[in-house]
Amino acid sequence: MRVQRDPEGSEAFNLLHACQITGKDILEIGCGEGWLTWQYAKTAERVIGVDPGISDLQKAKASQKVKGINIQLVACMGEGLPFPADFFDIAVYSNTL
């Protein structure tokens, strides 16, 4: 049996509707394989996903579904972000172990 991640899409729906992200700069902490990262990038101004797992970040980059969407993926821990405090409009931390 193939495991499905959030087949109803409720996780993305709830996060995308919790606040207005159109035109915003988004930080996703613990982006993993980028499942939500690419969804934010469709409407946000800029999306940067961070994760300590290099293999997950490589999968995230390879999973880009929509051409022309530019996101940045950074290998780092959420506790040591390499950005100034006011660099993002919204920071998201969701479903991370």
N, C-alpha and C. Protein backbone atom coordinates (compact mmCIF):
# COMPACT_ATOMS: atom_id res chain seq x y z
N MET A 1 0.83 -1.18 0.00
CA MET A 1 0.00 0.00 0.00
C MET A 1 0.89 1.25 0.00
N ARG A 2 0.60 2.16 -0.88
CA ARG A 2 1.35 3.41 -0.98
C ARG A 2 0.82 4.41 0.05
N VAL A 3 1.71 4.96 0.84
CA VAL A 3 1.32 5.95 1.84
C VAL A 3 1.05 7.28 1.14
N GLN A 4 -0.06 7.91 1.48
CA GLN A 4 -0.40 9.21 0.92
C GLN A 4 -0.27 10.27 1.99
N ARG A 5 0.33 11.36 1.63
CA ARG A 5 0.51 12.46 2.57
C ARG A 5 -0.63 13.45 2.37
N ASP A 6 -1.48 13.59 3.36
CA ASP A 6 -2.56 14.58 3.35
C ASP A 6 -3.37 14.53 2.05
N PRO A 7 -3.98 13.38 1.73
CA PRO A 7 -4.69 13.24 0.45
C PRO A 7 -5.84 14.24 0.25
N GLU A 8 -6.43 14.74 1.33
CA GLU A 8 -7.50 15.73 1.20
C GLU A 8 -6.97 17.14 0.97
N GLY A 9 -5.69 17.34 1.20
CA GLY A 9 -5.11 18.67 1.02
C GLY A 9 -5.44 19.63 2.14
N SER A 10 -5.89 19.13 3.29
CA SER A 10 -6.32 20.02 4.37
C SER A 10 -5.15 20.76 5.01
N GLU A 11 -3.98 20.14 5.08
CA GLU A 11 -2.85 20.82 5.70
C GLU A 11 -2.48 22.07 4.90
N ALA A 12 -2.33 21.92 3.62
CA ALA A 12 -2.00 23.07 2.78
C ALA A 12 -3.13 24.10 2.79
N PHE A 13 -4.36 23.64 2.71
CA PHE A 13 -5.51 24.55 2.71
C PHE A 13 -5.51 25.40 3.97
N ASN A 14 -5.37 24.76 5.12
CA ASN A 14 -5.41 25.49 6.39
C ASN A 14 -4.26 26.49 6.51
N LEU A 15 -3.07 26.08 6.12
CA LEU A 15 -1.93 26.99 6.21
C LEU A 15 -2.05 28.15 5.24
N LEU A 16 -2.49 27.86 4.03
CA LEU A 16 -2.61 28.92 3.02
C LEU A 16 -3.73 29.91 3.33
N HIS A 17 -4.72 29.47 4.10
CA HIS A 17 -5.83 30.35 4.43
C HIS A 17 -5.75 30.95 5.83
N ALA A 18 -4.70 30.61 6.57
CA ALA A 18 -4.54 31.17 7.91
C ALA A 18 -4.16 32.65 7.84
N CYS A 19 -3.48 33.03 6.79
CA CYS A 19 -3.11 34.43 6.61
C CYS A 19 -2.88 34.69 5.13
N GLN A 20 -2.87 35.94 4.78
CA GLN A 20 -2.66 36.35 3.38
C GLN A 20 -1.18 36.21 3.04
N ILE A 21 -0.85 35.38 2.04
CA ILE A 21 0.55 35.22 1.68
C ILE A 21 0.89 35.83 0.32
N THR A 22 -0.11 36.29 -0.41
CA THR A 22 0.14 36.88 -1.72
C THR A 22 1.08 38.07 -1.58
N GLY A 23 2.18 38.03 -2.32
CA GLY A 23 3.14 39.12 -2.31
C GLY A 23 4.02 39.19 -1.08
N LYS A 24 3.95 38.19 -0.21
CA LYS A 24 4.73 38.19 1.03
C LYS A 24 6.01 37.38 0.88
N ASP A 25 6.96 37.64 1.75
CA ASP A 25 8.19 36.87 1.84
C ASP A 25 7.99 35.82 2.93
N ILE A 26 8.11 34.55 2.54
CA ILE A 26 7.79 33.44 3.42
C ILE A 26 9.05 32.65 3.77
N LEU A 27 9.19 32.29 5.03
CA LEU A 27 10.22 31.36 5.48
C LEU A 27 9.52 30.09 5.92
N GLU A 28 9.91 28.97 5.35
CA GLU A 28 9.38 27.68 5.82
C GLU A 28 10.50 26.95 6.54
N ILE A 29 10.34 26.79 7.84
CA ILE A 29 11.33 26.11 8.68
C ILE A 29 10.99 24.63 8.69
N GLY A 30 11.95 23.81 8.35
CA GLY A 30 11.72 22.37 8.28
C GLY A 30 10.96 22.00 7.02
N CYS A 31 11.41 22.49 5.88
CA CYS A 31 10.68 22.31 4.62
C CYS A 31 10.74 20.88 4.09
N GLY A 32 11.70 20.09 4.56
CA GLY A 32 11.80 18.71 4.12
C GLY A 32 11.92 18.60 2.61
N GLU A 33 11.05 17.80 2.01
CA GLU A 33 11.08 17.56 0.57
C GLU A 33 10.33 18.62 -0.22
N GLY A 34 9.86 19.66 0.43
CA GLY A 34 9.27 20.80 -0.27
C GLY A 34 7.81 20.68 -0.63
N TRP A 35 7.12 19.73 -0.04
CA TRP A 35 5.71 19.51 -0.40
C TRP A 35 4.87 20.77 -0.24
N LEU A 36 5.04 21.47 0.86
CA LEU A 36 4.30 22.72 1.07
C LEU A 36 5.03 23.93 0.47
N THR A 37 6.34 23.85 0.42
CA THR A 37 7.15 24.96 -0.09
C THR A 37 6.69 25.40 -1.47
N TRP A 38 6.51 24.43 -2.36
CA TRP A 38 6.12 24.74 -3.74
C TRP A 38 4.71 25.33 -3.78
N GLN A 39 3.85 24.93 -2.87
CA GLN A 39 2.49 25.48 -2.85
C GLN A 39 2.50 26.95 -2.42
N TYR A 40 3.33 27.29 -1.43
CA TYR A 40 3.44 28.69 -1.01
C TYR A 40 4.00 29.54 -2.15
N ALA A 41 4.95 28.98 -2.88
CA ALA A 41 5.66 29.74 -3.91
C ALA A 41 4.77 30.17 -5.07
N LYS A 42 3.63 29.54 -5.21
CA LYS A 42 2.73 29.89 -6.31
C LYS A 42 2.15 31.29 -6.15
N THR A 43 2.03 31.77 -4.91
CA THR A 43 1.42 33.09 -4.69
C THR A 43 2.30 34.06 -3.91
N ALA A 44 3.27 33.55 -3.17
CA ALA A 44 4.13 34.43 -2.37
C ALA A 44 5.13 35.15 -3.25
N GLU A 45 5.65 36.25 -2.76
CA GLU A 45 6.68 37.00 -3.48
C GLU A 45 7.99 36.22 -3.51
N ARG A 46 8.38 35.71 -2.33
CA ARG A 46 9.62 34.95 -2.19
C ARG A 46 9.40 33.87 -1.14
N VAL A 47 9.93 32.68 -1.39
CA VAL A 47 9.85 31.60 -0.42
C VAL A 47 11.25 31.02 -0.24
N ILE A 48 11.65 30.94 1.01
CA ILE A 48 12.91 30.28 1.35
C ILE A 48 12.57 29.15 2.31
N GLY A 49 12.97 27.95 1.92
CA GLY A 49 12.78 26.78 2.76
C GLY A 49 14.09 26.38 3.39
N VAL A 50 14.08 26.10 4.68
CA VAL A 50 15.28 25.66 5.37
C VAL A 50 15.04 24.29 5.98
N ASP A 51 16.09 23.48 5.97
CA ASP A 51 16.03 22.14 6.53
C ASP A 51 17.46 21.67 6.74
N PRO A 52 17.73 20.91 7.81
CA PRO A 52 19.09 20.42 8.00
C PRO A 52 19.43 19.22 7.12
N GLY A 53 18.42 18.60 6.52
CA GLY A 53 18.64 17.40 5.72
C GLY A 53 18.98 17.70 4.27
N ILE A 54 20.24 17.51 3.89
CA ILE A 54 20.67 17.79 2.52
C ILE A 54 19.90 16.93 1.52
N SER A 55 19.69 15.66 1.82
CA SER A 55 18.98 14.78 0.87
C SER A 55 17.53 15.23 0.70
N ASP A 56 16.90 15.72 1.77
CA ASP A 56 15.54 16.24 1.64
C ASP A 56 15.51 17.48 0.76
N LEU A 57 16.49 18.36 0.94
CA LEU A 57 16.55 19.57 0.12
C LEU A 57 16.79 19.24 -1.35
N GLN A 58 17.59 18.22 -1.61
CA GLN A 58 17.80 17.79 -3.00
C GLN A 58 16.50 17.26 -3.60
N LYS A 59 15.73 16.52 -2.83
CA LYS A 59 14.43 16.02 -3.29
C LYS A 59 13.46 17.18 -3.52
N ALA A 60 13.52 18.18 -2.64
CA ALA A 60 12.64 19.35 -2.80
C ALA A 60 12.94 20.06 -4.11
N LYS A 61 14.20 20.24 -4.41
CA LYS A 61 14.59 20.91 -5.64
C LYS A 61 14.14 20.10 -6.86
N ALA A 62 14.29 18.80 -6.78
CA ALA A 62 13.93 17.92 -7.90
C ALA A 62 12.42 17.80 -8.07
N SER A 63 11.65 18.10 -7.03
CA SER A 63 10.20 17.93 -7.09
C SER A 63 9.46 19.14 -7.63
N GLN A 64 10.19 20.15 -8.08
CA GLN A 64 9.54 21.36 -8.58
C GLN A 64 8.55 21.00 -9.67
N LYS A 65 7.30 21.32 -9.45
CA LYS A 65 6.23 20.96 -10.38
C LYS A 65 5.95 22.06 -11.40
N VAL A 66 6.11 23.29 -10.99
CA VAL A 66 5.76 24.42 -11.86
C VAL A 66 7.04 25.13 -12.26
N LYS A 67 7.30 25.17 -13.53
CA LYS A 67 8.50 25.85 -14.01
C LYS A 67 8.34 27.36 -13.84
N GLY A 68 9.45 28.03 -13.59
CA GLY A 68 9.42 29.48 -13.45
C GLY A 68 9.22 29.95 -12.03
N ILE A 69 8.93 29.06 -11.10
CA ILE A 69 8.81 29.44 -9.70
C ILE A 69 10.19 29.35 -9.08
N ASN A 70 10.62 30.43 -8.48
CA ASN A 70 11.95 30.48 -7.92
C ASN A 70 11.87 30.46 -6.40
N ILE A 71 12.35 29.38 -5.82
CA ILE A 71 12.47 29.34 -4.36
C ILE A 71 13.94 29.12 -4.03
N GLN A 72 14.28 29.42 -2.80
CA GLN A 72 15.63 29.18 -2.33
C GLN A 72 15.56 28.14 -1.24
N LEU A 73 16.44 27.17 -1.28
CA LEU A 73 16.51 26.12 -0.27
C LEU A 73 17.85 26.24 0.43
N VAL A 74 17.81 26.26 1.77
CA VAL A 74 19.02 26.49 2.56
C VAL A 74 19.15 25.37 3.59
N ALA A 75 20.35 24.79 3.65
CA ALA A 75 20.63 23.76 4.65
C ALA A 75 21.05 24.43 5.95
N CYS A 76 20.17 24.37 6.93
CA CYS A 76 20.49 24.91 8.26
C CYS A 76 19.44 24.44 9.26
N MET A 77 19.73 24.61 10.52
CA MET A 77 18.79 24.30 11.59
C MET A 77 17.90 25.52 11.82
N GLY A 78 16.67 25.28 12.23
CA GLY A 78 15.76 26.38 12.54
C GLY A 78 16.24 27.25 13.68
N GLU A 79 17.06 26.69 14.56
CA GLU A 79 17.58 27.45 15.69
C GLU A 79 18.72 28.37 15.30
N GLY A 80 19.25 28.23 14.10
CA GLY A 80 20.38 29.06 13.69
C GLY A 80 20.19 29.62 12.29
N LEU A 81 19.13 30.37 12.11
CA LEU A 81 18.81 30.89 10.78
C LEU A 81 19.78 32.00 10.36
N PRO A 82 20.23 31.95 9.10
CA PRO A 82 21.19 32.95 8.62
C PRO A 82 20.53 34.18 8.00
N PHE A 83 19.45 34.66 8.61
CA PHE A 83 18.71 35.80 8.08
C PHE A 83 18.48 36.81 9.21
N PRO A 84 18.42 38.11 8.87
CA PRO A 84 18.08 39.10 9.89
C PRO A 84 16.64 38.90 10.39
N ALA A 85 16.35 39.40 11.56
CA ALA A 85 15.05 39.19 12.20
C ALA A 85 13.89 39.70 11.37
N ASP A 86 14.05 40.77 10.62
CA ASP A 86 12.93 41.35 9.88
C ASP A 86 12.96 41.00 8.39
N PHE A 87 13.61 39.93 8.01
CA PHE A 87 13.79 39.54 6.62
C PHE A 87 12.52 38.98 5.98
N PHE A 88 11.64 38.36 6.78
CA PHE A 88 10.43 37.71 6.28
C PHE A 88 9.17 38.35 6.84
N ASP A 89 8.09 38.25 6.06
CA ASP A 89 6.79 38.68 6.55
C ASP A 89 6.14 37.59 7.39
N ILE A 90 6.35 36.33 6.98
CA ILE A 90 5.70 35.19 7.62
C ILE A 90 6.70 34.05 7.75
N ALA A 91 6.72 33.42 8.92
CA ALA A 91 7.52 32.20 9.12
C ALA A 91 6.56 31.06 9.43
N VAL A 92 6.76 29.92 8.77
CA VAL A 92 5.90 28.76 8.93
C VAL A 92 6.73 27.60 9.43
N TYR A 93 6.23 26.94 10.44
CA TYR A 93 6.85 25.73 10.99
C TYR A 93 5.73 24.73 11.11
N SER A 94 5.71 23.74 10.25
CA SER A 94 4.57 22.83 10.22
C SER A 94 5.01 21.38 10.04
N ASN A 95 4.46 20.51 10.87
CA ASN A 95 4.62 19.07 10.65
C ASN A 95 6.08 18.66 10.57
N THR A 96 6.91 19.16 11.46
CA THR A 96 8.32 18.85 11.46
C THR A 96 8.66 18.06 12.71
N LEU A 97 9.47 17.02 12.53
CA LEU A 97 9.86 16.20 13.66
C LEU A 97 10.95 16.85 14.46
